[in-house]
PDB file of all heavy atoms in Angstrom:
ATOM      1  N   ASP A   1      26.886  44.861  32.844  1.00  0.00           N
ATOM      2  CA  ASP A   1      28.061  44.024  33.127  1.00  0.00           C
ATOM      3  C   ASP A   1      29.134  44.158  32.040  1.00  0.00           C
ATOM      4  O   ASP A   1      30.080  43.352  31.996  1.00  0.00           O
ATOM      5  CB  ASP A   1      27.632  42.593  33.268  1.00  0.00           C
ATOM      6  CG  ASP A   1      26.778  42.331  34.515  1.00  0.00           C
ATOM      7  OD1 ASP A   1      26.937  43.098  35.500  1.00  0.00           O
ATOM      8  OD2 ASP A   1      25.967  41.410  34.474  1.00  0.00           O
ATOM      9  N   GLU A   2      29.007  45.132  31.166  1.00  0.00           N
ATOM     10  CA  GLU A   2      29.939  45.297  30.013  1.00  0.00           C
ATOM     11  C   GLU A   2      30.675  46.595  30.185  1.00  0.00           C
ATOM     12  O   GLU A   2      30.071  47.633  30.526  1.00  0.00           O
ATOM     13  CB  GLU A   2      29.194  45.319  28.700  1.00  0.00           C
ATOM     14  CG  GLU A   2      28.184  44.219  28.487  1.00  0.00           C
ATOM     15  CD  GLU A   2      28.801  42.820  28.375  1.00  0.00           C
ATOM     16  OE1 GLU A   2      29.954  42.671  27.967  1.00  0.00           O
ATOM     17  OE2 GLU A   2      28.126  41.855  28.729  1.00  0.00           O
ATOM     18  N   VAL A   3      31.974  46.634  29.912  1.00  0.00           N
ATOM     19  CA  VAL A   3      32.803  47.831  29.967  1.00  0.00           C
ATOM     20  C   VAL A   3      33.752  47.859  28.749  1.00  0.00           C
ATOM     21  O   VAL A   3      34.380  46.842  28.474  1.00  0.00           O
ATOM     22  CB  VAL A   3      33.677  47.904  31.225  1.00  0.00           C
ATOM     23  CG1 VAL A   3      34.454  49.212  31.294  1.00  0.00           C
ATOM     24  CG2 VAL A   3      32.845  47.722  32.484  1.00  0.00           C
ATOM     25  N   ILE A   4      33.775  48.997  28.090  1.00  0.00           N
ATOM     26  CA  ILE A   4      34.744  49.180  27.028  1.00  0.00           C
ATOM     27  C   ILE A   4      35.658  50.312  27.443  1.00  0.00           C
ATOM     28  O   ILE A   4      35.191  51.399  27.839  1.00  0.00           O
ATOM     29  CB  ILE A   4      34.087  49.469  25.667  1.00  0.00           C
ATOM     30  CG1 ILE A   4      33.262  48.286  25.225  1.00  0.00           C
ATOM     31  CG2 ILE A   4      35.152  49.848  24.628  1.00  0.00           C
ATOM     32  CD1 ILE A   4      32.477  48.487  23.954  1.00  0.00           C
ATOM     33  N   THR A   5      36.944  50.080  27.393  1.00  0.00           N
ATOM     34  CA  THR A   5      37.971  51.091  27.755  1.00  0.00           C
ATOM     35  C   THR A   5      38.808  51.323  26.485  1.00  0.00           C
ATOM     36  O   THR A   5      39.359  50.406  25.915  1.00  0.00           O
ATOM     37  CB  THR A   5      38.865  50.604  28.873  1.00  0.00           C
ATOM     38  OG1 THR A   5      38.018  50.285  30.011  1.00  0.00           O
ATOM     39  CG2 THR A   5      39.856  51.699  29.293  1.00  0.00           C
ATOM     40  N   TRP A   6      38.859  52.614  26.065  1.00  0.00           N
ATOM     41  CA  TRP A   6      39.721  53.012  24.954  1.00  0.00           C
ATOM     42  C   TRP A   6      40.887  53.709  25.538  1.00  0.00           C
ATOM     43  O   TRP A   6      40.758  54.645  26.351  1.00  0.00           O
ATOM     44  CB  TRP A   6      38.907  53.948  24.028  1.00  0.00           C
ATOM     45  CG  TRP A   6      39.758  54.496  22.880  1.00  0.00           C
ATOM     46  CD1 TRP A   6      40.352  55.718  22.815  1.00  0.00           C
ATOM     47  CD2 TRP A   6      40.060  53.824  21.675  1.00  0.00           C
ATOM     48  NE1 TRP A   6      41.021  55.838  21.622  1.00  0.00           N
ATOM     49  CE2 TRP A   6      40.839  54.672  20.900  1.00  0.00           C
ATOM     50  CE3 TRP A   6      39.743  52.552  21.169  1.00  0.00           C
ATOM     51  CZ2 TRP A   6      41.327  54.344  19.657  1.00  0.00           C
ATOM     52  CZ3 TRP A   6      40.216  52.215  19.904  1.00  0.00           C
ATOM     53  CH2 TRP A   6      40.984  53.091  19.168  1.00  0.00           C
ATOM     54  N   PHE A   7      42.122  53.241  25.189  1.00  0.00           N
ATOM     55  CA  PHE A   7      43.317  53.794  25.789  1.00  0.00           C
ATOM     56  C   PHE A   7      44.499  53.703  24.839  1.00  0.00           C
ATOM     57  O   PHE A   7      44.483  52.983  23.884  1.00  0.00           O
ATOM     58  CB  PHE A   7      43.659  53.082  27.117  1.00  0.00           C
ATOM     59  CG  PHE A   7      43.963  51.625  26.940  1.00  0.00           C
ATOM     60  CD1 PHE A   7      45.266  51.143  26.876  1.00  0.00           C
ATOM     61  CD2 PHE A   7      42.906  50.669  26.937  1.00  0.00           C
ATOM     62  CE1 PHE A   7      45.496  49.769  26.766  1.00  0.00           C
ATOM     63  CE2 PHE A   7      43.154  49.306  26.807  1.00  0.00           C
ATOM     64  CZ  PHE A   7      44.454  48.852  26.743  1.00  0.00           C
ATOM     65  N   ASP A   8      45.541  54.507  25.160  1.00  0.00           N
ATOM     66  CA  ASP A   8      46.795  54.387  24.474  1.00  0.00           C
ATOM     67  C   ASP A   8      47.686  53.539  25.356  1.00  0.00           C
ATOM     68  O   ASP A   8      47.849  53.802  26.556  1.00  0.00           O
ATOM     69  CB  ASP A   8      47.458  55.761  24.251  1.00  0.00           C
ATOM     70  CG  ASP A   8      46.877  56.515  23.100  1.00  0.00           C
ATOM     71  OD1 ASP A   8      46.210  55.896  22.253  1.00  0.00           O
ATOM     72  OD2 ASP A   8      47.044  57.746  23.043  1.00  0.00           O
ATOM     73  N   LEU A   9      48.220  52.481  24.789  1.00  0.00           N
ATOM     74  CA  LEU A   9      49.154  51.595  25.460  1.00  0.00           C
ATOM     75  C   LEU A   9      50.573  52.155  25.213  1.00  0.00           C
ATOM     76  O   LEU A   9      51.014  52.122  24.063  1.00  0.00           O
ATOM     77  CB  LEU A   9      49.009  50.159  24.925  1.00  0.00           C
ATOM     78  CG  LEU A   9      49.887  49.087  25.559  1.00  0.00           C
ATOM     79  CD1 LEU A   9      49.485  48.873  27.006  1.00  0.00           C
ATOM     80  CD2 LEU A   9      49.753  47.803  24.758  1.00  0.00           C
ATOM     81  N   LEU A  10      51.242  52.632  26.221  1.00  0.00           N
ATOM     82  CA  LEU A  10      52.574  53.155  26.099  1.00  0.00           C
ATOM     83  C   LEU A  10      53.598  52.151  26.622  1.00  0.00           C
ATOM     84  O   LEU A  10      53.486  51.681  27.779  1.00  0.00           O
ATOM     85  CB  LEU A  10      52.710  54.469  26.876  1.00  0.00           C
ATOM     86  CG  LEU A  10      52.000  55.644  26.201  1.00  0.00           C
ATOM     87  CD1 LEU A  10      50.518  55.706  26.588  1.00  0.00           C
ATOM     88  CD2 LEU A  10      52.646  56.942  26.561  1.00  0.00           C
ATOM     89  N   THR A  11      54.515  51.746  25.758  1.00  0.00           N
ATOM     90  CA  THR A  11      55.512  50.745  26.103  1.00  0.00           C
ATOM     91  C   THR A  11      56.899  51.282  25.773  1.00  0.00           C
ATOM     92  O   THR A  11      57.061  52.316  25.122  1.00  0.00           O
ATOM     93  CB  THR A  11      55.292  49.444  25.270  1.00  0.00           C
ATOM     94  OG1 THR A  11      55.565  49.730  23.886  1.00  0.00           O
ATOM     95  CG2 THR A  11      53.878  48.916  25.427  1.00  0.00           C
ATOM     96  N   SER A  12      57.874  50.520  26.219  1.00  0.00           N
ATOM     97  CA  SER A  12      59.278  50.894  25.984  1.00  0.00           C
ATOM     98  C   SER A  12      59.747  50.449  24.613  1.00  0.00           C
ATOM     99  O   SER A  12      60.841  50.790  24.193  1.00  0.00           O
ATOM    100  CB  SER A  12      60.156  50.279  27.041  1.00  0.00           C
ATOM    101  OG  SER A  12      60.073  48.872  27.055  1.00  0.00           O
ATOM    102  N   VAL A  13      58.910  49.729  23.865  1.00  0.00           N
ATOM    103  CA  VAL A  13      59.354  49.161  22.568  1.00  0.00           C
ATOM    104  C   VAL A  13      58.625  49.666  21.337  1.00  0.00           C
ATOM    105  O   VAL A  13      58.975  49.321  20.206  1.00  0.00           O
ATOM    106  CB  VAL A  13      59.256  47.602  22.578  1.00  0.00           C
ATOM    107  CG1 VAL A  13      60.143  47.021  23.660  1.00  0.00           C
ATOM    108  CG2 VAL A  13      57.808  47.141  22.716  1.00  0.00           C
ATOM    109  N   ALA A  14      57.576  50.527  21.535  1.00  0.00           N
ATOM    110  CA  ALA A  14      56.793  51.001  20.400  1.00  0.00           C
ATOM    111  C   ALA A  14      56.187  52.344  20.701  1.00  0.00           C
ATOM    112  O   ALA A  14      56.046  52.706  21.875  1.00  0.00           O
ATOM    113  CB  ALA A  14      55.687  49.951  20.088  1.00  0.00           C
ATOM    114  N   PRO A  15      55.747  53.043  19.649  1.00  0.00           N
ATOM    115  CA  PRO A  15      55.033  54.279  19.917  1.00  0.00           C
ATOM    116  C   PRO A  15      53.675  53.975  20.549  1.00  0.00           C
ATOM    117  O   PRO A  15      53.261  52.787  20.558  1.00  0.00           O
ATOM    118  CB  PRO A  15      54.821  54.885  18.493  1.00  0.00           C
ATOM    119  CG  PRO A  15      55.246  53.877  17.537  1.00  0.00           C
ATOM    120  CD  PRO A  15      55.993  52.777  18.248  1.00  0.00           C
ATOM    121  N   PRO A  16      53.013  54.976  21.114  1.00  0.00           N
ATOM    122  CA  PRO A  16      51.686  54.708  21.698  1.00  0.00           C
ATOM    123  C   PRO A  16      50.772  53.915  20.804  1.00  0.00           C
ATOM    124  O   PRO A  16      50.695  54.217  19.616  1.00  0.00           O
ATOM    125  CB  PRO A  16      51.149  56.117  21.980  1.00  0.00           C
ATOM    126  CG  PRO A  16      52.371  56.944  22.131  1.00  0.00           C
ATOM    127  CD  PRO A  16      53.370  56.368  21.174  1.00  0.00           C
ATOM    128  N   THR A  17      50.153  52.909  21.356  1.00  0.00           N
ATOM    129  CA  THR A  17      49.272  51.982  20.592  1.00  0.00           C
ATOM    130  C   THR A  17      47.836  52.207  20.999  1.00  0.00           C
ATOM    131  O   THR A  17      47.448  51.817  22.122  1.00  0.00           O
ATOM    132  CB  THR A  17      49.700  50.537  20.826  1.00  0.00           C
ATOM    133  OG1 THR A  17      51.092  50.391  20.490  1.00  0.00           O
ATOM    134  CG2 THR A  17      48.882  49.578  19.971  1.00  0.00           C
ATOM    135  N   PRO A  18      47.001  52.811  20.132  1.00  0.00           N
ATOM    136  CA  PRO A  18      45.580  52.940  20.466  1.00  0.00           C
ATOM    137  C   PRO A  18      44.960  51.565  20.593  1.00  0.00           C
ATOM    138  O   PRO A  18      45.124  50.683  19.747  1.00  0.00           O
ATOM    139  CB  PRO A  18      44.994  53.695  19.248  1.00  0.00           C
ATOM    140  CG  PRO A  18      46.162  54.347  18.619  1.00  0.00           C
ATOM    141  CD  PRO A  18      47.345  53.446  18.853  1.00  0.00           C
ATOM    142  N   THR A  19      44.191  51.371  21.715  1.00  0.00           N
ATOM    143  CA  THR A  19      43.720  50.026  22.061  1.00  0.00           C
ATOM    144  C   THR A  19      42.285  50.100  22.597  1.00  0.00           C
ATOM    145  O   THR A  19      41.962  51.043  23.329  1.00  0.00           O
ATOM    146  CB  THR A  19      44.630  49.423  23.148  1.00  0.00           C
ATOM    147  OG1 THR A  19      45.971  49.449  22.707  1.00  0.00           O
ATOM    148  CG2 THR A  19      44.221  48.030  23.517  1.00  0.00           C
ATOM    149  N   ALA A  20      41.492  49.123  22.218  1.00  0.00           N
ATOM    150  CA  ALA A  20      40.139  48.964  22.779  1.00  0.00           C
ATOM    151  C   ALA A  20      40.098  47.649  23.567  1.00  0.00           C
ATOM    152  O   ALA A  20      40.553  46.614  23.108  1.00  0.00           O
ATOM    153  CB  ALA A  20      39.100  48.914  21.690  1.00  0.00           C
ATOM    154  N   ASN A  21      39.557  47.728  24.772  1.00  0.00           N
ATOM    155  CA  ASN A  21      39.423  46.563  25.674  1.00  0.00           C
ATOM    156  C   ASN A  21      37.988  46.482  26.102  1.00  0.00           C
ATOM    157  O   ASN A  21      37.417  47.409  26.655  1.00  0.00           O
ATOM    158  CB  ASN A  21      40.331  46.772  26.895  1.00  0.00           C
ATOM    159  CG  ASN A  21      40.186  45.722  27.974  1.00  0.00           C
ATOM    160  OD1 ASN A  21      39.094  45.537  28.513  1.00  0.00           O
ATOM    161  ND2 ASN A  21      41.242  45.037  28.256  1.00  0.00           N
ATOM    162  N   TRP A  22      37.382  45.315  25.821  1.00  0.00           N
ATOM    163  CA  TRP A  22      35.985  45.048  26.224  1.00  0.00           C
ATOM    164  C   TRP A  22      36.035  43.953  27.288  1.00  0.00           C
ATOM    165  O   TRP A  22      36.617  42.930  27.097  1.00  0.00           O
ATOM    166  CB  TRP A  22      35.138  44.628  25.017  1.00  0.00           C
ATOM    167  CG  TRP A  22      33.824  44.036  25.393  1.00  0.00           C
ATOM    168  CD1 TRP A  22      32.876  44.586  26.212  1.00  0.00           C
ATOM    169  CD2 TRP A  22      33.282  42.810  24.925  1.00  0.00           C
ATOM    170  NE1 TRP A  22      31.793  43.768  26.270  1.00  0.00           N
ATOM    171  CE2 TRP A  22      32.010  42.677  25.509  1.00  0.00           C
ATOM    172  CE3 TRP A  22      33.768  41.786  24.070  1.00  0.00           C
ATOM    173  CZ2 TRP A  22      31.222  41.562  25.259  1.00  0.00           C
ATOM    174  CZ3 TRP A  22      32.942  40.702  23.852  1.00  0.00           C
ATOM    175  CH2 TRP A  22      31.692  40.593  24.441  1.00  0.00           C
ATOM    176  N   MET A  23      35.364  44.226  28.422  1.00  0.00           N
ATOM    177  CA  MET A  23      35.313  43.280  29.513  1.00  0.00           C
ATOM    178  C   MET A  23      33.849  42.925  29.831  1.00  0.00           C
ATOM    179  O   MET A  23      32.995  43.806  29.751  1.00  0.00           O
ATOM    180  CB  MET A  23      35.905  43.883  30.790  1.00  0.00           C
ATOM    181  CG  MET A  23      37.375  44.114  30.761  1.00  0.00           C
ATOM    182  SD  MET A  23      37.832  44.829  32.390  1.00  0.00           S
ATOM    183  CE  MET A  23      39.572  44.692  32.238  1.00  0.00           C
ATOM    184  N   HIS A  24      33.658  41.698  30.222  1.00  0.00           N
ATOM    185  CA  HIS A  24      32.361  41.291  30.777  1.00  0.00           C
ATOM    186  C   HIS A  24      32.569  40.843  32.198  1.00  0.00           C
ATOM    187  O   HIS A  24      33.561  40.137  32.515  1.00  0.00           O
ATOM    188  CB  HIS A  24      31.775  40.121  29.929  1.00  0.00           C
ATOM    189  CG  HIS A  24      30.470  39.635  30.456  1.00  0.00           C
ATOM    190  ND1 HIS A  24      29.291  40.340  30.251  1.00  0.00           N
ATOM    191  CD2 HIS A  24      30.186  38.588  31.264  1.00  0.00           C
ATOM    192  CE1 HIS A  24      28.303  39.649  30.894  1.00  0.00           C
ATOM    193  NE2 HIS A  24      28.840  38.611  31.496  1.00  0.00           N
TER     194      HIS A  24
END
């Protein structure tokens, strides 16, 4: 029931932001 997603968050206001998201 656990998921970790590693991604780059691309926005209009900043350079790509490396991000980790853990969901249950």
